[in-house]
C-alpha atoms as a PDB file:
ATOM      1  CA  LEU A   1    -212.431  55.185 -97.762  1.00  0.00           C
ATOM      2  CA  GLY A   2    -211.022  55.483 -94.052  1.00  0.00           C
ATOM      3  CA  GLY A   3    -213.278  52.941 -93.181  1.00  0.00           C
ATOM      4  CA  MET A   4    -216.273  55.371 -93.921  1.00  0.00           C
ATOM      5  CA  GLU A   5    -219.004  55.609 -96.666  1.00  0.00           C
ATOM      6  CA  ALA A   6    -217.677  57.665 -99.330  1.00  0.00           C
ATOM      7  CA  GLU A   7    -219.764  59.571-102.031  1.00  0.00           C
ATOM      8  CA  VAL A   8    -217.714  60.544-105.067  1.00  0.00           C
ATOM      9  CA  ILE A   9    -219.409  63.328-107.004  1.00  0.00           C
ATOM     10  CA  PHE A  10    -217.806  63.862-110.629  1.00  0.00           C
ATOM     11  CA  VAL A  11    -217.923  67.434-112.753  1.00  0.00           C
ATOM     12  CA  ASP A  12    -215.700  68.213-115.578  1.00  0.00           C
ATOM     13  CA  ASP A  13    -214.158  71.336-115.955  1.00  0.00           C
ATOM     14  CA  GLN A  14    -214.226  71.597-120.042  1.00  0.00           C
ATOM     15  CA  ARG A  15    -210.425  72.718-119.754  1.00  0.00           C
ATOM     16  CA  LYS A  16    -211.953  76.358-119.157  1.00  0.00           C
ATOM     17  CA  PRO A  17    -211.155  78.240-115.968  1.00  0.00           C
ATOM     18  CA  ASP A  18    -214.622  80.208-115.809  1.00  0.00           C
ATOM     19  CA  VAL A  19    -216.223  76.354-115.857  1.00  0.00           C
ATOM     20  CA  ALA A  20    -213.872  75.070-113.352  1.00  0.00           C
ATOM     21  CA  LYS A  21    -214.505  78.215-110.762  1.00  0.00           C
ATOM     22  CA  GLN A  22    -218.259  77.873-111.330  1.00  0.00           C
ATOM     23  CA  LEU A  23    -217.626  73.878-110.246  1.00  0.00           C
ATOM     24  CA  ALA A  24    -215.650  74.352-107.330  1.00  0.00           C
ATOM     25  CA  ASN A  25    -218.476  77.363-105.828  1.00  0.00           C
ATOM     26  CA  ARG A  26    -220.895  74.697-106.206  1.00  0.00           C
ATOM     27  CA  LEU A  27    -219.177  71.517-104.680  1.00  0.00           C
ATOM     28  CA  VAL A  28    -218.144  73.800-101.792  1.00  0.00           C
ATOM     29  CA  LYS A  29    -221.429  75.684-101.222  1.00  0.00           C
ATOM     30  CA  SER A  30    -224.217  73.426-102.283  1.00  0.00           C
ATOM     31  CA  ASP A  31    -222.683  69.695-102.284  1.00  0.00           C
ATOM     32  CA  LYS A  32    -220.873  70.596 -99.005  1.00  0.00           C
ATOM     33  CA  VAL A  33    -217.913  68.226-100.155  1.00  0.00           C
ATOM     34  CA  ASP A  34    -215.737  67.291 -97.829  1.00  0.00           C
ATOM     35  CA  VAL A  35    -212.389  67.404-100.436  1.00  0.00           C
ATOM     36  CA  VAL A  36    -212.086  68.611-103.679  1.00  0.00           C
ATOM     37  CA  ALA A  37    -209.503  66.689-105.642  1.00  0.00           C
ATOM     38  CA  GLY A  38    -208.375  66.185-109.422  1.00  0.00           C
ATOM     39  CA  VAL A  39    -207.461  69.103-111.688  1.00  0.00           C
ATOM     40  CA  ILE A  40    -204.963  68.443-114.416  1.00  0.00           C
ATOM     41  CA  TRP A  41    -204.211  71.819-116.014  1.00  0.00           C
ATOM     42  CA  SER A  42    -202.474  74.667-113.867  1.00  0.00           C
ATOM     43  CA  ASN A  43    -204.513  77.435-115.031  1.00  0.00           C
ATOM     44  CA  LEU A  44    -207.474  75.713-113.695  1.00  0.00           C
ATOM     45  CA  MET A  45    -206.250  74.854-110.659  1.00  0.00           C
ATOM     46  CA  MET A  46    -205.306  78.931-109.963  1.00  0.00           C
ATOM     47  CA  ALA A  47    -208.904  79.253-110.908  1.00  0.00           C
ATOM     48  CA  ILE A  48    -210.526  77.382-108.183  1.00  0.00           C
ATOM     49  CA  HIS A  49    -207.641  77.478-105.450  1.00  0.00           C
ATOM     50  CA  LYS A  50    -209.021  80.840-103.541  1.00  0.00           C
ATOM     51  CA  PRO A  51    -212.674  79.482-103.790  1.00  0.00           C
ATOM     52  CA  VAL A  52    -212.359  76.012-102.529  1.00  0.00           C
ATOM     53  CA  THR A  53    -209.353  76.778 -99.546  1.00  0.00           C
ATOM     54  CA  ARG A  54    -211.090  79.919 -98.265  1.00  0.00           C
ATOM     55  CA  SER A  55    -214.151  77.731 -97.900  1.00  0.00           C
ATOM     56  CA  ASP A  56    -212.548  75.848 -95.625  1.00  0.00           C
ATOM     57  CA  THR A  57    -212.515  72.719 -97.452  1.00  0.00           C
ATOM     58  CA  LEU A  58    -209.550  70.464 -98.599  1.00  0.00           C
ATOM     59  CA  LEU A  59    -208.062  70.913-102.026  1.00  0.00           C
ATOM     60  CA  ILE A  60    -206.080  68.103-102.804  1.00  0.00           C
ATOM     61  CA  SER A  61    -204.539  68.160-106.435  1.00  0.00           C
ATOM     62  CA  SER A  62    -203.479  65.022-108.443  1.00  0.00           C
ATOM     63  CA  ASN A  63    -201.911  66.917-110.858  1.00  0.00           C
ATOM     64  CA  ALA A  64    -201.608  70.574-111.162  1.00  0.00           C
ATOM     65  CA  GLY A  65    -198.693  72.068-109.262  1.00  0.00           C
ATOM     66  CA  PRO A  66    -198.334  75.871-110.272  1.00  0.00           C
ATOM     67  CA  SER A  67    -195.882  78.019-108.240  1.00  0.00           C
ATOM     68  CA  PRO A  68    -197.976  80.601-107.176  1.00  0.00           C
ATOM     69  CA  ILE A  69    -199.877  78.464-104.638  1.00  0.00           C
ATOM     70  CA  ALA A  70    -196.695  76.762-103.525  1.00  0.00           C
ATOM     71  CA  GLY A  71    -194.633  80.112-102.587  1.00  0.00           C
ATOM     72  CA  SER A  72    -196.269  83.013-101.151  1.00  0.00           C
ATOM     73  CA  GLY A  73    -199.810  82.231-102.362  1.00  0.00           C
ATOM     74  CA  CYS A  74    -200.134  78.962-100.689  1.00  0.00           C
ATOM     75  CA  HIS A  75    -202.872  77.835 -98.212  1.00  0.00           C
ATOM     76  CA  GLU A  76    -202.958  75.369 -95.372  1.00  0.00           C
ATOM     77  CA  ASN A  77    -206.163  74.143 -96.997  1.00  0.00           C
ATOM     78  CA  PHE A  78    -204.149  73.134-100.153  1.00  0.00           C
ATOM     79  CA  ILE A  79    -202.428  69.558-100.442  1.00  0.00           C
ATOM     80  CA  SER A  80    -200.409  68.150-103.440  1.00  0.00           C
ATOM     81  CA  MET A  81    -200.416  64.381-104.270  1.00  0.00           C
ATOM     82  CA  SER A  82    -198.251  65.145-107.597  1.00  0.00           C
ATOM     83  CA  TRP A  83    -195.583  67.437-107.741  1.00  0.00           C
ATOM     84  CA  GLN A  84    -194.688  71.502-107.399  1.00  0.00           C
ATOM     85  CA  ASN A  85    -194.410  72.177-111.703  1.00  0.00           C
ATOM     86  CA  ASP A  86    -190.879  73.063-111.350  1.00  0.00           C
ATOM     87  CA  GLN A  87    -189.497  69.960-109.444  1.00  0.00           C
ATOM     88  CA  THR A  88    -189.542  67.677-112.462  1.00  0.00           C
ATOM     89  CA  THR A  89    -187.995  70.008-115.036  1.00  0.00           C
ATOM     90  CA  GLU A  90    -185.289  70.643-112.468  1.00  0.00           C
ATOM     91  CA  GLY A  91    -184.371  67.093-112.840  1.00  0.00           C
ATOM     92  CA  MET A  92    -183.908  67.360-116.773  1.00  0.00           C
ATOM     93  CA  GLY A  93    -182.041  70.385-116.275  1.00  0.00           C
ATOM     94  CA  LYS A  94    -179.848  68.938-114.063  1.00  0.00           C
ATOM     95  CA  HIS A  95    -179.489  65.571-116.010  1.00  0.00           C
ATOM     96  CA  LEU A  96    -178.019  67.782-119.577  1.00  0.00           C
ATOM     97  CA  GLN A  97    -175.889  69.817-116.984  1.00  0.00           C
ATOM     98  CA  SER A  98    -174.415  66.815-115.665  1.00  0.00           C
ATOM     99  CA  ILE A  99    -173.269  65.383-119.105  1.00  0.00           C
ATOM    100  CA  GLY A 100    -172.022  68.151-120.319  1.00  0.00           C
ATOM    101  CA  VAL A 101    -174.665  69.542-122.751  1.00  0.00           C
ATOM    102  CA  GLU A 102    -173.873  72.840-123.793  1.00  0.00           C
ATOM    103  CA  SER A 103    -176.645  74.582-125.262  1.00  0.00           C
ATOM    104  CA  ALA A 104    -180.285  73.671-125.357  1.00  0.00           C
ATOM    105  CA  TYR A 105    -183.704  74.872-127.359  1.00  0.00           C
ATOM    106  CA  ILE A 106    -186.326  74.796-124.828  1.00  0.00           C
ATOM    107  CA  MET A 107    -190.201  74.895-125.421  1.00  0.00           C
ATOM    108  CA  ALA A 108    -193.567  74.591-123.886  1.00  0.00           C
ATOM    109  CA  PRO A 109    -196.898  76.003-124.171  1.00  0.00           C
ATOM    110  CA  ASN A 110    -197.862  79.562-123.259  1.00  0.00           C
ATOM    111  CA  TYR A 111    -199.682  79.004-120.057  1.00  0.00           C
ATOM    112  CA  GLN A 112    -198.451  78.831-115.814  1.00  0.00           C
ATOM    113  CA  ALA A 113    -197.396  75.365-116.137  1.00  0.00           C
ATOM    114  CA  GLY A 114    -195.153  75.780-119.058  1.00  0.00           C
ATOM    115  CA  LYS A 115    -193.564  79.023-117.828  1.00  0.00           C
ATOM    116  CA  ASP A 116    -193.133  76.650-114.384  1.00  0.00           C
ATOM    117  CA  MET A 117    -191.933  73.986-116.443  1.00  0.00           C
ATOM    118  CA  LEU A 118    -188.979  76.193-117.836  1.00  0.00           C
ATOM    119  CA  SER A 119    -188.168  78.051-115.515  1.00  0.00           C
ATOM    120  CA  GLY A 120    -187.453  74.840-113.564  1.00  0.00           C
ATOM    121  CA  PHE A 121    -185.233  73.644-116.262  1.00  0.00           C
ATOM    122  CA  LYS A 122    -183.050  76.731-116.480  1.00  0.00           C
ATOM    123  CA  ARG A 123    -182.585  77.168-112.590  1.00  0.00           C
ATOM    124  CA  GLN A 124    -180.605  73.708-112.904  1.00  0.00           C
ATOM    125  CA  PHE A 125    -179.016  74.162-116.840  1.00  0.00           C
ATOM    126  CA  ASN A 126    -176.423  76.595-117.248  1.00  0.00           C
ATOM    127  CA  GLY A 127    -175.699  76.083-120.389  1.00  0.00           C
ATOM    128  CA  GLU A 128    -176.753  78.213-123.376  1.00  0.00           C
ATOM    129  CA  ILE A 129    -180.367  78.780-123.981  1.00  0.00           C
ATOM    130  CA  VAL A 130    -180.691  79.308-127.802  1.00  0.00           C
ATOM    131  CA  ALA A 131    -184.022  79.972-127.587  1.00  0.00           C
ATOM    132  CA  GLU A 132    -187.153  80.032-124.945  1.00  0.00           C
ATOM    133  CA  VAL A 133    -190.244  79.435-126.943  1.00  0.00           C
ATOM    134  CA  TYR A 134    -193.649  79.559-125.669  1.00  0.00           C
ATOM    135  CA  THR A 135    -196.645  78.025-127.907  1.00  0.00           C
ATOM    136  CA  LYS A 136    -200.332  78.380-128.469  1.00  0.00           C
ATOM    137  CA  LEU A 137    -202.093  76.381-125.447  1.00  0.00           C
ATOM    138  CA  GLY A 138    -203.569  73.301-127.876  1.00  0.00           C
ATOM    139  CA  GLN A 139    -201.502  73.787-130.706  1.00  0.00           C
ATOM    140  CA  SER A 140    -200.937  70.788-133.208  1.00  0.00           C
ATOM    141  CA  ASP A 141    -199.274  71.943-135.757  1.00  0.00           C
ATOM    142  CA  PHE A 142    -195.122  72.880-135.038  1.00  0.00           C
ATOM    143  CA  GLN A 143    -193.373  72.944-138.747  1.00  0.00           C
ATOM    144  CA  ALA A 144    -192.411  76.911-137.916  1.00  0.00           C
ATOM    145  CA  GLU A 145    -190.978  75.908-134.495  1.00  0.00           C
ATOM    146  CA  LEU A 146    -189.011  73.233-136.020  1.00  0.00           C
ATOM    147  CA  SER A 147    -187.586  75.105-138.872  1.00  0.00           C
ATOM    148  CA  THR A 148    -186.301  77.669-136.170  1.00  0.00           C
ATOM    149  CA  LEU A 149    -184.975  74.782-134.405  1.00  0.00           C
ATOM    150  CA  ARG A 150    -183.353  73.342-137.515  1.00  0.00           C
ATOM    151  CA  ALA A 151    -181.646  76.336-138.562  1.00  0.00           C
ATOM    152  CA  ALA A 152    -180.084  76.956-134.392  1.00  0.00           C
ATOM    153  CA  LYS A 153    -178.847  73.457-134.195  1.00  0.00           C
ATOM    154  CA  PRO A 154    -179.167  73.134-130.096  1.00  0.00           C
ATOM    155  CA  GLU A 155    -177.395  70.380-128.881  1.00  0.00           C
ATOM    156  CA  ALA A 156    -180.490  69.237-127.000  1.00  0.00           C
ATOM    157  CA  THR A 157    -183.911  70.184-127.358  1.00  0.00           C
ATOM    158  CA  PHE A 158    -186.066  69.812-123.935  1.00  0.00           C
ATOM    159  CA  VAL A 159    -190.133  70.144-124.673  1.00  0.00           C
ATOM    160  CA  PHE A 160    -193.142  70.085-122.367  1.00  0.00           C
ATOM    161  CA  GLN A 161    -195.902  69.738-124.585  1.00  0.00           C
ATOM    162  CA  PRO A 162    -198.610  67.614-122.476  1.00  0.00           C
ATOM    163  CA  GLY A 163    -201.038  65.228-124.001  1.00  0.00           C
ATOM    164  CA  GLY A 164    -202.200  65.853-127.907  1.00  0.00           C
ATOM    165  CA  MET A 165    -199.610  68.504-128.451  1.00  0.00           C
ATOM    166  CA  GLY A 166    -197.011  66.044-127.738  1.00  0.00           C
ATOM    167  CA  ILE A 167    -198.161  63.365-129.634  1.00  0.00           C
ATOM    168  CA  ASN A 168    -198.325  65.908-132.883  1.00  0.00           C
ATOM    169  CA  PHE A 169    -195.135  67.402-131.903  1.00  0.00           C
ATOM    170  CA  VAL A 170    -192.878  64.066-131.397  1.00  0.00           C
ATOM    171  CA  LYS A 171    -194.781  62.819-135.082  1.00  0.00           C
ATOM    172  CA  GLN A 172    -193.576  66.171-136.734  1.00  0.00           C
ATOM    173  CA  TRP A 173    -190.183  66.127-135.435  1.00  0.00           C
ATOM    174  CA  LYS A 174    -189.739  62.246-136.479  1.00  0.00           C
ATOM    175  CA  GLN A 175    -191.175  63.278-139.789  1.00  0.00           C
ATOM    176  CA  ALA A 176    -188.588  66.178-140.287  1.00  0.00           C
ATOM    177  CA  GLY A 177    -185.904  64.222-139.196  1.00  0.00           C
ATOM    178  CA  MET A 178    -184.873  66.359-136.620  1.00  0.00           C
ATOM    179  CA  ASP A 179    -182.876  63.060-134.382  1.00  0.00           C
ATOM    180  CA  SER A 180    -180.084  64.077-136.944  1.00  0.00           C
ATOM    181  CA  VAL A 181    -180.081  67.689-135.484  1.00  0.00           C
ATOM    182  CA  SER A 182    -180.756  67.417-132.166  1.00  0.00           C
ATOM    183  CA  LYS A 183    -181.151  65.267-128.989  1.00  0.00           C
ATOM    184  CA  LEU A 184    -184.980  65.463-127.977  1.00  0.00           C
ATOM    185  CA  TYR A 185    -185.360  65.474-124.472  1.00  0.00           C
ATOM    186  CA  THR A 186    -189.186  65.722-122.903  1.00  0.00           C
ATOM    187  CA  VAL A 187    -191.417  66.242-119.097  1.00  0.00           C
ATOM    188  CA  PHE A 188    -194.978  64.702-119.710  1.00  0.00           C
ATOM    189  CA  THR A 189    -195.172  64.817-123.482  1.00  0.00           C
ATOM    190  CA  VAL A 190    -194.360  61.134-124.285  1.00  0.00           C
ATOM    191  CA  ASP A 191    -195.589  58.663-121.560  1.00  0.00           C
ATOM    192  CA  ALA A 192    -198.469  56.276-121.147  1.00  0.00           C
ATOM    193  CA  VAL A 193    -200.961  58.824-122.261  1.00  0.00           C
ATOM    194  CA  SER A 194    -199.267  59.350-125.668  1.00  0.00           C
ATOM    195  CA  LEU A 195    -197.424  56.122-126.424  1.00  0.00           C
ATOM    196  CA  PRO A 196    -200.733  54.101-127.574  1.00  0.00           C
ATOM    197  CA  ALA A 197    -200.504  56.828-130.328  1.00  0.00           C
ATOM    198  CA  LEU A 198    -196.489  56.975-130.936  1.00  0.00           C
ATOM    199  CA  LYS A 199    -195.375  53.757-130.741  1.00  0.00           C
ATOM    200  CA  ASP A 200    -192.358  52.838-131.706  1.00  0.00           C
ATOM    201  CA  THR A 201    -191.902  56.315-133.036  1.00  0.00           C
ATOM    202  CA  ALA A 202    -190.824  57.443-129.152  1.00  0.00           C
ATOM    203  CA  LEU A 203    -188.228  54.773-128.409  1.00  0.00           C
ATOM    204  CA  GLY A 204    -185.079  55.980-126.973  1.00  0.00           C
ATOM    205  CA  VAL A 205    -186.831  59.610-125.882  1.00  0.00           C
ATOM    206  CA  ILE A 206    -185.471  60.655-122.316  1.00  0.00           C
ATOM    207  CA  SER A 207    -187.824  62.071-120.019  1.00  0.00           C
ATOM    208  CA  THR A 208    -187.757  62.522-116.007  1.00  0.00           C
ATOM    209  CA  GLN A 209    -190.423  62.031-113.809  1.00  0.00           C
ATOM    210  CA  THR A 210    -191.587  61.423-110.208  1.00  0.00           C
ATOM    211  CA  TRP A 211    -193.314  57.934-111.138  1.00  0.00           C
ATOM    212  CA  SER A 212    -192.684  55.488-113.553  1.00  0.00           C
ATOM    213  CA  PRO A 213    -194.366  52.114-114.038  1.00  0.00           C
ATOM    214  CA  ASP A 214    -191.443  49.649-112.950  1.00  0.00           C
ATOM    215  CA  LEU A 215    -191.189  51.566-109.709  1.00  0.00           C
ATOM    216  CA  ASP A 216    -190.870  48.335-107.482  1.00  0.00           C
ATOM    217  CA  ASN A 217    -192.600  48.622-104.555  1.00  0.00           C
ATOM    218  CA  ASP A 218    -195.688  46.702-103.565  1.00  0.00           C
ATOM    219  CA  MET A 219    -198.063  49.197-103.586  1.00  0.00           C
ATOM    220  CA  ASN A 220    -196.990  50.123-107.398  1.00  0.00           C
ATOM    221  CA  ASN A 221    -196.514  46.369-108.304  1.00  0.00           C
ATOM    222  CA  LYS A 222    -199.912  45.668-107.342  1.00  0.00           C
ATOM    223  CA  PHE A 223    -201.321  49.068-109.016  1.00  0.00           C
ATOM    224  CA  VAL A 224    -199.999  48.326-112.120  1.00  0.00           C
ATOM    225  CA  SER A 225    -200.698  44.988-112.377  1.00  0.00           C
ATOM    226  CA  ASP A 226    -204.421  45.455-111.571  1.00  0.00           C
ATOM    227  CA  TYR A 227    -204.750  48.323-114.130  1.00  0.00           C
ATOM    228  CA  LYS A 228    -203.224  46.557-116.645  1.00  0.00           C
ATOM    229  CA  ALA A 229    -205.658  43.651-116.321  1.00  0.00           C
ATOM    230  CA  ALA A 230    -208.721  46.036-116.163  1.00  0.00           C
ATOM    231  CA  HIS A 231    -207.403  48.091-119.320  1.00  0.00           C
ATOM    232  CA  GLY A 232    -205.219  46.443-121.311  1.00  0.00           C
ATOM    233  CA  ALA A 233    -202.788  48.914-120.855  1.00  0.00           C
ATOM    234  CA  TYR A 234    -199.949  50.754-118.895  1.00  0.00           C
ATOM    235  CA  PRO A 235    -201.467  53.224-116.510  1.00  0.00           C
ATOM    236  CA  SER A 236    -200.578  56.827-117.113  1.00  0.00           C
ATOM    237  CA  PHE A 237    -198.592  59.190-114.605  1.00  0.00           C
ATOM    238  CA  TYR A 238    -202.014  60.566-113.962  1.00  0.00           C
ATOM    239  CA  ALA A 239    -203.810  57.753-113.318  1.00  0.00           C
ATOM    240  CA  ALA A 240    -200.809  56.538-110.698  1.00  0.00           C
ATOM    241  CA  GLN A 241    -201.437  60.167-109.142  1.00  0.00           C
ATOM    242  CA  ALA A 242    -205.380  59.907-109.334  1.00  0.00           C
ATOM    243  CA  TYR A 243    -204.655  56.632-107.387  1.00  0.00           C
ATOM    244  CA  ASP A 244    -202.459  58.016-104.903  1.00  0.00           C
ATOM    245  CA  THR A 245    -205.042  60.713-103.903  1.00  0.00           C
ATOM    246  CA  MET A 246    -207.382  58.675-102.939  1.00  0.00           C
ATOM    247  CA  MET A 247    -204.999  56.617-100.896  1.00  0.00           C
ATOM    248  CA  ALA A 248    -203.960  59.933 -99.035  1.00  0.00           C
ATOM    249  CA  ILE A 249    -207.865  60.680 -98.471  1.00  0.00           C
ATOM    250  CA  ASP A 250    -208.309  56.993 -97.343  1.00  0.00           C
ATOM    251  CA  HIS A 251    -205.178  57.319 -95.196  1.00  0.00           C
ATOM    252  CA  ALA A 252    -205.944  61.060 -93.603  1.00  0.00           C
ATOM    253  CA  VAL A 253    -209.597  59.819 -92.805  1.00  0.00           C
ATOM    254  CA  ARG A 254    -208.611  56.406 -91.326  1.00  0.00           C
ATOM    255  CA  GLU A 255    -205.717  58.146 -89.179  1.00  0.00           C
ATOM    256  CA  SER A 256    -207.824  61.227 -88.039  1.00  0.00           C
ATOM    257  CA  GLY A 257    -211.301  59.218 -87.836  1.00  0.00           C
ATOM    258  CA  SER A 258    -212.812  62.376 -89.081  1.00  0.00           C
ATOM    259  CA  THR A 259    -213.709  64.324 -92.265  1.00  0.00           C
ATOM    260  CA  ASP A 260    -212.801  67.752 -90.471  1.00  0.00           C
ATOM    261  CA  ALA A 261    -210.443  69.736 -92.997  1.00  0.00           C
ATOM    262  CA  GLY A 262    -208.261  70.479 -90.441  1.00  0.00           C
ATOM    263  CA  ALA A 263    -207.840  66.817 -88.971  1.00  0.00           C
ATOM    264  CA  MET A 264    -207.420  65.405 -92.203  1.00  0.00           C
ATOM    265  CA  ARG A 265    -204.689  68.210 -93.215  1.00  0.00           C
ATOM    266  CA  ALA A 266    -202.655  67.643 -89.939  1.00  0.00           C
ATOM    267  CA  VAL A 267    -202.470  64.165 -90.662  1.00  0.00           C
ATOM    268  CA  LEU A 268    -201.185  64.497 -94.270  1.00  0.00           C
ATOM    269  CA  ALA A 269    -198.945  67.449 -93.618  1.00  0.00           C
ATOM    270  CA  GLU A 270    -197.174  64.811 -91.255  1.00  0.00           C
ATOM    271  CA  GLY A 271    -195.980  62.630 -94.289  1.00  0.00           C
ATOM    272  CA  GLY A 272    -195.817  59.233 -94.131  1.00  0.00           C
ATOM    273  CA  ILE A 273    -198.559  58.880 -96.828  1.00  0.00           C
ATOM    274  CA  PRO A 274    -198.536  55.332 -98.737  1.00  0.00           C
ATOM    275  CA  THR A 275    -198.365  55.574-102.475  1.00  0.00           C
ATOM    276  CA  THR A 276    -197.239  54.201-105.794  1.00  0.00           C
ATOM    277  CA  ARG A 277    -194.250  56.330-105.440  1.00  0.00           C
ATOM    278  CA  GLY A 278    -193.336  54.925-102.070  1.00  0.00           C
ATOM    279  CA  THR A 279    -194.134  56.358 -98.510  1.00  0.00           C
ATOM    280  CA  LEU A 280    -194.148  60.317 -99.300  1.00  0.00           C
ATOM    281  CA  ALA A 281    -192.767  63.249 -97.288  1.00  0.00           C
ATOM    282  CA  MET A 282    -194.339  66.344 -97.112  1.00  0.00           C
ATOM    283  CA  ASN A 283    -192.550  69.979 -97.293  1.00  0.00           C
ATOM    284  CA  THR A 284    -193.662  73.069 -95.504  1.00  0.00           C
ATOM    285  CA  ASN A 285    -196.018  74.051 -98.366  1.00  0.00           C
ATOM    286  CA  GLN A 286    -197.732  70.764 -98.126  1.00  0.00           C
ATOM    287  CA  PHE A 287    -195.891  69.903-101.894  1.00  0.00           C
ATOM    288  CA  PRO A 288    -194.390  66.376-101.423  1.00  0.00           C
ATOM    289  CA  ILE A 289    -190.288  65.656-101.153  1.00  0.00           C
ATOM    290  CA  GLN A 290    -189.838  63.369-103.327  1.00  0.00           C
ATOM    291  CA  ASN A 291    -187.316  61.372-105.949  1.00  0.00           C
ATOM    292  CA  ILE A 292    -186.716  62.584-109.790  1.00  0.00           C
ATOM    293  CA  TYR A 293    -185.927  59.828-112.088  1.00  0.00           C
ATOM    294  CA  LEU A 294    -184.520  59.593-115.715  1.00  0.00           C
ATOM    295  CA  ARG A 295    -186.657  57.454-118.337  1.00  0.00           C
ATOM    296  CA  GLU A 296    -186.106  56.107-121.500  1.00  0.00           C
ATOM    297  CA  VAL A 297    -188.772  54.637-123.723  1.00  0.00           C
ATOM    298  CA  VAL A 298    -188.492  51.048-124.314  1.00  0.00           C
ATOM    299  CA  LEU A 299    -190.407  48.148-125.622  1.00  0.00           C
ATOM    300  CA  ASP A 300    -191.165  45.660-123.244  1.00  0.00           C
ATOM    301  CA  ALA A 301    -191.313  41.863-123.331  1.00  0.00           C
ATOM    302  CA  ASP A 302    -194.428  41.819-125.161  1.00  0.00           C
ATOM    303  CA  GLY A 303    -193.334  44.617-127.623  1.00  0.00           C
ATOM    304  CA  VAL A 304    -195.443  47.471-125.915  1.00  0.00           C
ATOM    305  CA  ALA A 305    -193.794  50.690-125.706  1.00  0.00           C
ATOM    306  CA  THR A 306    -193.446  52.064-122.152  1.00  0.00           C
ATOM    307  CA  THR A 307    -190.695  53.937-119.931  1.00  0.00           C
ATOM    308  CA  LYS A 308    -188.423  52.263-117.627  1.00  0.00           C
ATOM    309  CA  VAL A 309    -186.225  53.835-115.029  1.00  0.00           C
ATOM    310  CA  ILE A 310    -182.597  54.524-116.140  1.00  0.00           C
ATOM    311  CA  GLY A 311    -181.563  56.554-113.207  1.00  0.00           C
ATOM    312  CA  THR A 312    -182.165  58.731-110.267  1.00  0.00           C
ATOM    313  CA  VAL A 313    -181.469  62.482-110.854  1.00  0.00           C
ATOM    314  CA  PHE A 314    -182.533  63.628-107.618  1.00  0.00           C
ATOM    315  CA  GLU A 315    -183.185  61.927-104.091  1.00  0.00           C
ATOM    316  CA  ASP A 316    -185.882  63.545-101.944  1.00  0.00           C
ATOM    317  CA  HIS A 317    -185.724  66.757-103.836  1.00  0.00           C
ATOM    318  CA  SER A 318    -187.995  69.664-102.248  1.00  0.00           C
ATOM    319  CA  ASP A 319    -189.390  72.323-104.258  1.00  0.00           C
ATOM    320  CA  ALA A 320    -187.914  76.047-104.888  1.00  0.00           C
ATOM    321  CA  TYR A 321    -190.550  78.017-103.231  1.00  0.00           C
ATOM    322  CA  ALA A 322    -191.252  76.087 -99.809  1.00  0.00           C
ATOM    323  CA  SER A 323    -189.313  78.730 -97.977  1.00  0.00           C
ATOM    324  CA  GLU A 324    -191.889  81.307 -99.235  1.00  0.00           C
ATOM    325  CA  CYS A 325    -195.335  79.825 -98.115  1.00  0.00           C
ATOM    326  CA  LYS A 326    -196.156  80.888 -94.766  1.00  0.00           C
ATOM    327  CA  PHE A 327    -199.349  79.528 -93.427  1.00  0.00           C
END
C-alpha cells in the first residue's frame, strides 16, 4: 500500500460492542497498528471510536457513519470512506417529496443507524408519517408490522432493514401481497447482499445509494469486472466501500510518504481520493461529499438481479452535522 509493505490483521467483532472495544484496544495498544479500518454496524463504531481516535491512531470507516461522531462528537483521527448515516435516506425523503407522495410508513431496527436513517428521511420528507416503527435488531418475523401497515394503507413504505432482516422482510412483504397496499422503498435492504436470496422477488424495488455497480468510471468498471471474475457475482456496496478504504490508505501513504497518523490524515482531509464513486471530496468533519443515486432492481442481460441507477437525487451532498464538528 502506497509503495510500502503492509501487514493486514483481521479481527471479528462478532457484532458485539464489548468485543469490538476489546479488539480495538488490542489493535492500538498491543499490535500498534497505523490504521484501524472497517466496521459495519454503527453501535460497534460508537464503541471503538474513542479508544482508537484518542490513541492517535487513524480510524477509517468503510461503512458505519453514526451521527454523534459526525457532529459535536467528531475527532480529527476519524475518516469516513462511506457516508454519514442520514445522507442516503435524505435522498429517499427528497425523492418521495419530489414525486408528490403524501403519506409514508417508516421502519428501521432500534439502534443508532436505524434512528439516523429515519431522521434523514424525515429531514427531507414533508408528508404525513403515518407510523414510525423501530423493530428489534436481528428480527426475522415482521407479520405484526405488516398487519399494522395493511390497516394504515400508506401511500409509501420506507424501510431500512440490512442483511438477513431485509431478506426476511421483503419475502414476507411479497407473500402478504403488500404491493397492492403500498409502494415499497428501501435503503441498505435490497442490494447485492440480499439479491442472491431474493432474486426476482425484489424486481422493481427502489432504493437510494451513493454507489451502484453500473456507475460508469474507470475504477468502478475495473472493480466490478474483477470482482465478478473472482467471485461469480456482483459486488455489494460493502465490498465497494472496503475497496475504496484500501485505495484511500494507499493514497494517503503514497502522497504523504509516511504512516504517521497526522500525515495520512492531512492527505485524506484534502479530498481528491480515487474511489469507485469517482474522485471523492471531504467535508470539514471528514465525511464524504458525494452524489446520492436513485436505483431500481432489474435483471441484467444474463437474467441476474442487480441494481441500476435511474436518477441522481443529490449532487455533491453534504451531511447535516458537519457544521457542528469542531476539531
